[in-house]
N, C-alpha and C. Protein backbone atom coordinates (compact mmCIF):
# COMPACT_ATOMS: atom_id res chain seq x y z
N MET A 1 101.03 111.32 69.21
CA MET A 1 100.62 110.28 70.19
C MET A 1 101.80 109.25 70.23
N MET A 2 102.36 108.82 69.04
CA MET A 2 103.35 107.79 69.08
C MET A 2 104.58 108.29 69.68
N ASN A 3 104.94 109.62 69.55
CA ASN A 3 106.13 110.17 70.23
C ASN A 3 105.96 110.13 71.78
N LYS A 4 104.72 110.36 72.25
CA LYS A 4 104.57 110.31 73.72
C LYS A 4 104.85 108.91 74.20
N LYS A 5 104.34 107.86 73.41
CA LYS A 5 104.63 106.50 73.87
C LYS A 5 106.09 106.20 73.88
N LYS A 6 106.77 106.65 72.85
CA LYS A 6 108.24 106.42 72.81
C LYS A 6 108.91 107.06 73.92
N LEU A 7 108.55 108.19 74.20
CA LEU A 7 109.10 109.05 75.38
C LEU A 7 108.93 108.30 76.66
N ILE A 8 107.72 107.88 76.89
CA ILE A 8 107.32 107.18 78.10
C ILE A 8 108.17 105.88 78.25
N ILE A 9 108.25 105.12 77.14
CA ILE A 9 108.95 103.87 77.16
C ILE A 9 110.40 104.14 77.41
N SER A 10 111.07 105.14 76.83
CA SER A 10 112.39 105.56 77.09
C SER A 10 112.67 105.93 78.51
N ILE A 11 111.71 106.70 79.19
CA ILE A 11 111.84 107.02 80.55
C ILE A 11 111.80 105.81 81.44
N ILE A 12 110.85 104.90 81.13
CA ILE A 12 110.75 103.77 81.94
C ILE A 12 112.05 102.90 81.87
N ILE A 13 112.60 102.70 80.65
CA ILE A 13 113.83 101.97 80.46
C ILE A 13 115.01 102.66 81.23
N PHE A 14 115.02 103.96 81.12
CA PHE A 14 116.09 104.67 81.80
C PHE A 14 116.00 104.55 83.32
N LEU A 15 114.80 104.76 83.80
CA LEU A 15 114.64 104.54 85.26
C LEU A 15 114.88 103.20 85.78
N GLN A 16 114.48 102.20 84.98
CA GLN A 16 114.79 100.81 85.35
C GLN A 16 116.30 100.59 85.35
N SER A 17 117.06 101.05 84.46
CA SER A 17 118.45 100.81 84.48
C SER A 17 119.14 101.55 85.56
N CYS A 18 118.59 102.73 86.00
CA CYS A 18 119.20 103.47 87.08
C CYS A 18 118.83 102.71 88.43
N SER A 19 117.65 102.29 88.57
CA SER A 19 117.38 101.49 89.85
C SER A 19 118.14 100.25 89.98
N ASP A 20 118.41 99.53 88.84
CA ASP A 20 119.21 98.32 88.86
C ASP A 20 120.66 98.64 89.30
N TYR A 21 121.17 99.83 88.79
CA TYR A 21 122.55 100.22 89.18
C TYR A 21 122.56 100.55 90.62
N GLY A 22 121.58 101.30 91.16
CA GLY A 22 121.49 101.72 92.46
C GLY A 22 121.38 100.56 93.43
N CYS A 23 120.63 99.50 92.93
CA CYS A 23 120.43 98.33 93.76
C CYS A 23 121.73 97.59 93.90
N LYS A 24 122.43 97.47 92.88
CA LYS A 24 123.79 96.76 92.87
C LYS A 24 124.73 97.44 93.83
N GLU A 25 124.71 98.80 93.79
CA GLU A 25 125.55 99.53 94.69
C GLU A 25 125.10 99.29 96.21
N THR A 26 123.87 99.33 96.39
CA THR A 26 123.34 99.04 97.79
C THR A 26 123.63 97.56 98.25
N GLU A 27 123.47 96.66 97.26
CA GLU A 27 123.96 95.28 97.71
C GLU A 27 125.32 95.25 98.08
N ASP A 28 126.20 95.85 97.26
CA ASP A 28 127.60 95.76 97.59
C ASP A 28 127.98 96.45 98.93
N PHE A 29 127.26 97.55 99.17
CA PHE A 29 127.41 98.26 100.44
C PHE A 29 127.01 97.32 101.70
N TYR A 30 125.82 96.74 101.54
CA TYR A 30 125.35 95.86 102.66
C TYR A 30 126.16 94.56 102.87
N LYS A 31 126.74 94.07 101.70
CA LYS A 31 127.63 92.85 101.84
C LYS A 31 128.85 93.08 102.65
N GLU A 32 129.30 94.30 102.85
CA GLU A 32 130.48 94.61 103.62
C GLU A 32 130.33 94.41 105.18
N PHE A 33 129.11 94.44 105.57
CA PHE A 33 128.92 94.36 107.10
C PHE A 33 128.80 92.96 107.57
N SER A 34 129.35 92.82 108.81
CA SER A 34 129.11 91.52 109.42
C SER A 34 129.00 91.76 110.93
N THR A 35 128.29 90.89 111.58
CA THR A 35 128.12 90.99 112.93
C THR A 35 127.69 89.54 113.55
N HIS A 36 128.22 89.27 114.58
CA HIS A 36 127.88 87.96 115.29
C HIS A 36 127.94 88.24 116.79
N LEU A 37 126.75 88.62 117.31
CA LEU A 37 126.80 88.99 118.67
C LEU A 37 125.40 88.69 119.38
N VAL A 38 125.52 88.63 120.76
CA VAL A 38 124.41 88.43 121.59
C VAL A 38 124.08 89.82 122.15
N LEU A 39 122.86 90.28 122.00
CA LEU A 39 122.57 91.64 122.56
C LEU A 39 122.45 91.69 124.05
N PHE A 40 123.13 92.63 124.59
CA PHE A 40 122.89 92.94 126.11
C PHE A 40 122.31 94.27 126.29
N LYS A 41 121.96 94.99 125.22
CA LYS A 41 121.31 96.21 125.33
C LYS A 41 120.46 96.40 123.99
N ASN A 42 119.27 96.95 124.11
CA ASN A 42 118.46 97.22 122.91
C ASN A 42 119.20 98.20 122.02
N PRO A 43 119.18 97.98 120.70
CA PRO A 43 119.88 98.87 119.74
C PRO A 43 119.40 100.28 119.82
N ASN A 44 120.22 101.29 119.57
CA ASN A 44 119.94 102.61 119.49
C ASN A 44 120.20 103.18 118.06
N ILE A 45 119.44 104.11 117.58
CA ILE A 45 119.67 104.78 116.37
C ILE A 45 120.53 106.01 116.56
N ASP A 46 121.62 106.09 115.84
CA ASP A 46 122.49 107.20 115.88
C ASP A 46 122.71 107.72 114.42
N TYR A 47 122.08 108.79 114.01
CA TYR A 47 122.09 109.34 112.68
C TYR A 47 121.56 108.25 111.76
N ASN A 48 122.28 107.62 110.85
CA ASN A 48 121.79 106.59 109.92
C ASN A 48 122.38 105.27 110.30
N GLN A 49 122.68 105.00 111.60
CA GLN A 49 123.39 103.80 112.01
C GLN A 49 122.64 103.27 113.23
N TYR A 50 122.67 101.88 113.39
CA TYR A 50 122.16 101.32 114.52
C TYR A 50 123.38 101.05 115.38
N LEU A 51 123.31 101.34 116.66
CA LEU A 51 124.47 101.02 117.61
C LEU A 51 123.94 99.81 118.38
N ILE A 52 124.68 98.76 118.13
CA ILE A 52 124.27 97.47 118.76
C ILE A 52 125.40 97.12 119.77
N LYS A 53 124.98 96.95 121.04
CA LYS A 53 125.99 96.47 122.06
C LYS A 53 125.63 95.05 122.47
N GLY A 54 126.68 94.27 122.49
CA GLY A 54 126.52 92.80 122.88
C GLY A 54 127.82 92.16 123.14
N LYS A 55 127.78 90.84 123.19
CA LYS A 55 128.92 90.06 123.41
C LYS A 55 129.25 89.37 122.04
N SER A 56 130.41 89.44 121.56
CA SER A 56 130.78 88.87 120.31
C SER A 56 130.82 87.42 120.46
N ILE A 57 130.04 86.63 119.53
CA ILE A 57 130.14 85.23 119.52
C ILE A 57 131.56 84.65 119.18
N MET A 58 132.28 85.43 118.35
CA MET A 58 133.61 85.11 117.85
C MET A 58 134.68 85.27 118.95
N SER A 59 134.74 86.28 119.61
CA SER A 59 135.83 86.62 120.53
C SER A 59 135.39 86.48 122.00
N GLY A 60 134.08 86.46 122.32
CA GLY A 60 133.59 86.52 123.66
C GLY A 60 133.72 87.90 124.36
N LYS A 61 134.17 88.90 123.61
CA LYS A 61 134.36 90.22 124.20
C LYS A 61 133.12 91.13 124.04
N ASP A 62 132.91 92.04 124.94
CA ASP A 62 131.95 93.02 124.76
C ASP A 62 132.23 93.89 123.47
N THR A 63 131.23 94.18 122.60
CA THR A 63 131.39 94.81 121.38
C THR A 63 130.31 95.85 121.13
N LEU A 64 130.65 96.86 120.49
CA LEU A 64 129.80 97.94 119.94
C LEU A 64 129.89 97.87 118.41
N GLU A 65 128.78 97.55 117.80
CA GLU A 65 128.72 97.54 116.33
C GLU A 65 127.95 98.66 115.80
N ARG A 66 128.36 99.26 114.69
CA ARG A 66 127.70 100.31 113.99
C ARG A 66 127.25 99.78 112.66
N LEU A 67 125.90 99.64 112.52
CA LEU A 67 125.32 98.94 111.38
C LEU A 67 124.39 99.93 110.70
N PRO A 68 124.14 99.67 109.35
CA PRO A 68 123.27 100.61 108.62
C PRO A 68 121.81 100.46 109.06
N SER A 69 121.16 101.57 109.58
CA SER A 69 119.92 101.44 110.14
C SER A 69 118.74 101.21 109.12
N ARG A 70 118.92 101.55 107.87
CA ARG A 70 117.82 101.38 106.96
C ARG A 70 117.52 99.91 106.69
N TRP A 71 118.42 99.03 106.70
CA TRP A 71 118.13 97.64 106.54
C TRP A 71 118.01 96.93 107.95
N PHE A 72 118.92 97.10 108.81
CA PHE A 72 118.88 96.46 110.10
C PHE A 72 117.70 97.01 110.97
N GLY A 73 117.22 98.21 110.63
CA GLY A 73 116.06 98.83 111.25
C GLY A 73 114.77 98.13 111.08
N ASN A 74 114.71 97.26 110.01
CA ASN A 74 113.51 96.50 109.73
C ASN A 74 113.22 95.45 110.80
N LEU A 75 114.23 95.16 111.70
CA LEU A 75 114.08 94.16 112.76
C LEU A 75 113.79 94.93 114.03
N TYR A 76 113.55 96.13 114.03
CA TYR A 76 113.31 96.99 115.24
C TYR A 76 112.33 96.35 116.17
N CYS A 77 111.17 95.85 115.74
CA CYS A 77 110.15 95.36 116.65
C CYS A 77 110.37 93.88 117.04
N PHE A 78 111.46 93.28 116.59
CA PHE A 78 111.67 91.94 116.85
C PHE A 78 112.71 91.63 117.95
N TRP A 79 113.80 92.48 117.89
CA TRP A 79 114.94 92.12 118.80
C TRP A 79 114.73 92.64 120.25
N GLU A 80 115.36 91.76 121.11
CA GLU A 80 115.31 92.07 122.58
C GLU A 80 116.63 91.70 123.15
N ILE A 81 116.83 92.10 124.32
CA ILE A 81 118.05 91.74 125.07
C ILE A 81 118.23 90.14 125.15
N GLY A 82 119.36 89.63 124.86
CA GLY A 82 119.56 88.22 124.90
C GLY A 82 119.50 87.51 123.55
N ASP A 83 118.91 88.24 122.58
CA ASP A 83 118.79 87.71 121.20
C ASP A 83 120.24 87.75 120.55
N THR A 84 120.30 86.83 119.60
CA THR A 84 121.63 86.77 118.85
C THR A 84 121.41 87.23 117.39
N VAL A 85 122.29 88.15 116.95
CA VAL A 85 122.21 88.78 115.65
C VAL A 85 123.36 88.28 114.82
N ILE A 86 123.17 87.68 113.72
CA ILE A 86 124.19 87.15 112.80
C ILE A 86 124.00 87.71 111.38
N LYS A 87 125.12 88.28 110.93
CA LYS A 87 125.17 88.75 109.53
C LYS A 87 126.51 88.52 109.06
N ASP A 88 126.73 87.58 108.10
CA ASP A 88 128.03 87.25 107.57
C ASP A 88 128.45 88.24 106.45
N LYS A 89 129.63 88.59 106.42
CA LYS A 89 130.12 89.44 105.34
C LYS A 89 129.87 88.69 103.97
N GLY A 90 129.49 89.47 102.93
CA GLY A 90 129.28 88.87 101.60
C GLY A 90 127.89 88.40 101.43
N THR A 91 127.01 88.35 102.43
CA THR A 91 125.65 87.90 102.22
C THR A 91 124.68 89.13 102.33
N LEU A 92 123.44 88.78 102.04
CA LEU A 92 122.36 89.84 102.12
C LEU A 92 121.24 89.42 103.05
N LYS A 93 121.69 88.60 104.06
CA LYS A 93 120.66 88.16 105.04
C LYS A 93 121.23 88.37 106.46
N ILE A 94 120.27 88.88 107.30
CA ILE A 94 120.46 89.01 108.69
C ILE A 94 119.66 87.99 109.37
N GLU A 95 120.29 87.25 110.36
CA GLU A 95 119.51 86.22 111.09
C GLU A 95 119.39 86.73 112.48
N LEU A 96 118.22 86.72 113.03
CA LEU A 96 117.91 87.11 114.45
C LEU A 96 117.40 85.87 115.09
N ARG A 97 118.15 85.32 116.10
CA ARG A 97 117.71 84.15 116.85
C ARG A 97 117.26 84.64 118.26
N LYS A 98 115.93 84.39 118.47
CA LYS A 98 115.25 84.89 119.58
C LYS A 98 115.52 83.95 120.82
N VAL A 99 115.64 84.53 121.99
CA VAL A 99 115.74 83.72 123.23
C VAL A 99 114.39 83.14 123.57
N LYS A 100 113.32 83.96 123.37
CA LYS A 100 111.95 83.50 123.47
C LYS A 100 111.23 83.91 122.26
N PRO A 101 110.27 83.05 121.80
CA PRO A 101 109.55 83.36 120.66
C PRO A 101 108.84 84.71 120.67
N LYS A 102 108.70 85.35 119.53
CA LYS A 102 108.00 86.66 119.38
C LYS A 102 107.21 86.50 118.09
N TYR A 103 105.89 86.77 118.14
CA TYR A 103 105.03 86.72 117.01
C TYR A 103 105.05 85.32 116.43
N GLY A 104 105.29 84.28 117.22
CA GLY A 104 105.18 82.97 116.79
C GLY A 104 106.45 82.37 116.30
N ASN A 105 107.63 83.11 116.25
CA ASN A 105 108.82 82.58 115.66
C ASN A 105 110.02 82.79 116.60
N ARG A 106 110.90 81.85 116.47
CA ARG A 106 112.21 81.89 117.25
C ARG A 106 113.38 82.50 116.31
N ILE A 107 113.19 82.35 115.07
CA ILE A 107 114.28 82.89 114.09
C ILE A 107 113.57 83.74 113.12
N TYR A 108 114.22 84.93 112.93
CA TYR A 108 113.80 85.85 111.80
C TYR A 108 114.96 86.01 110.95
N VAL A 109 114.71 85.83 109.61
CA VAL A 109 115.73 86.09 108.56
C VAL A 109 115.23 87.29 107.78
N CYS A 110 116.05 88.38 107.83
CA CYS A 110 115.80 89.62 107.13
C CYS A 110 116.68 89.63 105.88
N GLU A 111 116.05 89.64 104.65
CA GLU A 111 116.83 89.51 103.41
C GLU A 111 116.59 90.74 102.66
N PHE A 112 117.74 91.27 102.09
CA PHE A 112 117.66 92.40 101.19
C PHE A 112 117.61 91.90 99.76
N THR A 113 116.62 92.40 98.99
CA THR A 113 116.60 92.04 97.53
C THR A 113 116.27 93.32 96.83
N CYS A 114 116.54 93.32 95.53
CA CYS A 114 116.27 94.57 94.71
C CYS A 114 114.79 94.81 94.63
N LYS A 115 114.01 93.85 94.80
CA LYS A 115 112.58 93.98 94.77
C LYS A 115 111.92 94.40 96.12
N GLY A 116 112.71 94.36 97.12
CA GLY A 116 112.20 94.72 98.42
C GLY A 116 112.86 93.91 99.51
N ILE A 117 112.60 94.27 100.75
CA ILE A 117 113.16 93.55 101.87
C ILE A 117 112.08 92.56 102.47
N LEU A 118 112.60 91.35 102.65
CA LEU A 118 111.75 90.30 103.20
C LEU A 118 112.16 89.95 104.59
N ILE A 119 111.22 89.56 105.43
CA ILE A 119 111.47 88.99 106.72
C ILE A 119 110.75 87.64 106.67
N ASN A 120 111.47 86.57 106.82
CA ASN A 120 110.87 85.21 106.79
C ASN A 120 110.04 85.06 105.52
N ASP A 121 110.63 85.56 104.41
CA ASP A 121 109.99 85.43 103.03
C ASP A 121 108.71 86.25 102.88
N ILE A 122 108.44 87.13 103.87
CA ILE A 122 107.24 88.02 103.66
C ILE A 122 107.70 89.47 103.56
N ARG A 123 107.13 90.25 102.66
CA ARG A 123 107.59 91.56 102.38
C ARG A 123 107.39 92.40 103.59
N VAL A 124 108.34 93.31 103.82
CA VAL A 124 108.37 94.06 105.04
C VAL A 124 107.02 94.99 105.22
N PRO A 125 106.50 95.67 104.11
CA PRO A 125 105.28 96.37 104.30
C PRO A 125 104.15 95.53 104.99
N ILE A 126 104.02 94.27 104.64
CA ILE A 126 103.01 93.37 105.14
C ILE A 126 103.28 93.17 106.68
N TRP A 127 104.54 92.95 107.05
CA TRP A 127 104.89 92.88 108.46
C TRP A 127 104.60 94.17 109.21
N ARG A 128 104.90 95.28 108.66
CA ARG A 128 104.73 96.56 109.34
C ARG A 128 103.26 96.73 109.70
N GLU A 129 102.35 96.54 108.76
CA GLU A 129 101.01 96.68 109.05
C GLU A 129 100.52 95.84 110.24
N ASP A 130 100.97 94.57 110.26
CA ASP A 130 100.66 93.64 111.38
C ASP A 130 101.28 94.12 112.67
N LEU A 131 102.59 94.49 112.63
CA LEU A 131 103.26 94.91 113.86
C LEU A 131 102.69 96.24 114.43
N ILE A 132 102.24 97.12 113.63
CA ILE A 132 101.60 98.34 114.15
C ILE A 132 100.33 98.07 114.78
N LYS A 133 99.54 97.06 114.20
CA LYS A 133 98.33 96.58 114.95
C LYS A 133 98.65 96.00 116.30
N ASN A 134 99.76 95.40 116.47
CA ASN A 134 100.29 94.81 117.69
C ASN A 134 101.01 95.79 118.60
N GLY A 135 100.97 97.04 118.23
CA GLY A 135 101.60 98.09 119.22
C GLY A 135 102.96 98.54 118.94
N CYS A 136 103.59 97.96 117.90
CA CYS A 136 104.98 98.45 117.58
C CYS A 136 105.01 99.79 116.99
N LYS A 137 105.90 100.64 117.43
CA LYS A 137 106.06 102.08 116.92
C LYS A 137 107.24 102.21 116.13
N PHE A 138 107.22 102.53 114.92
CA PHE A 138 108.41 102.71 114.12
C PHE A 138 108.82 104.11 114.18
């Protein structure tokens, strides 16, 4: 019985250390992306990327951004044409500034953490339940 407990504890410690390592890698990956644009077309998913077309806030030029869909995809039910998407390199937050309020907010901040993704400090699974009730299809 004691050996089983030691084995279970060892497995838990091993898995925890693996997940921490994987999270650090994911954080580093997401920190590399940046975008500052006003959407003039709803984003499309292409393989594991979001293709976002808009006008760059920095250069004023039409731009096509390829962003990781697993994280950016959490904003799927929120963005619309005319909204501004801001993600600075080195950060783990995406800011979506709405032209008109949606679900009662004008600004949505999507934050990646090792404990889960938050939108306006609320865990994504809670948002998803509410969004599905309001007709959003993921």
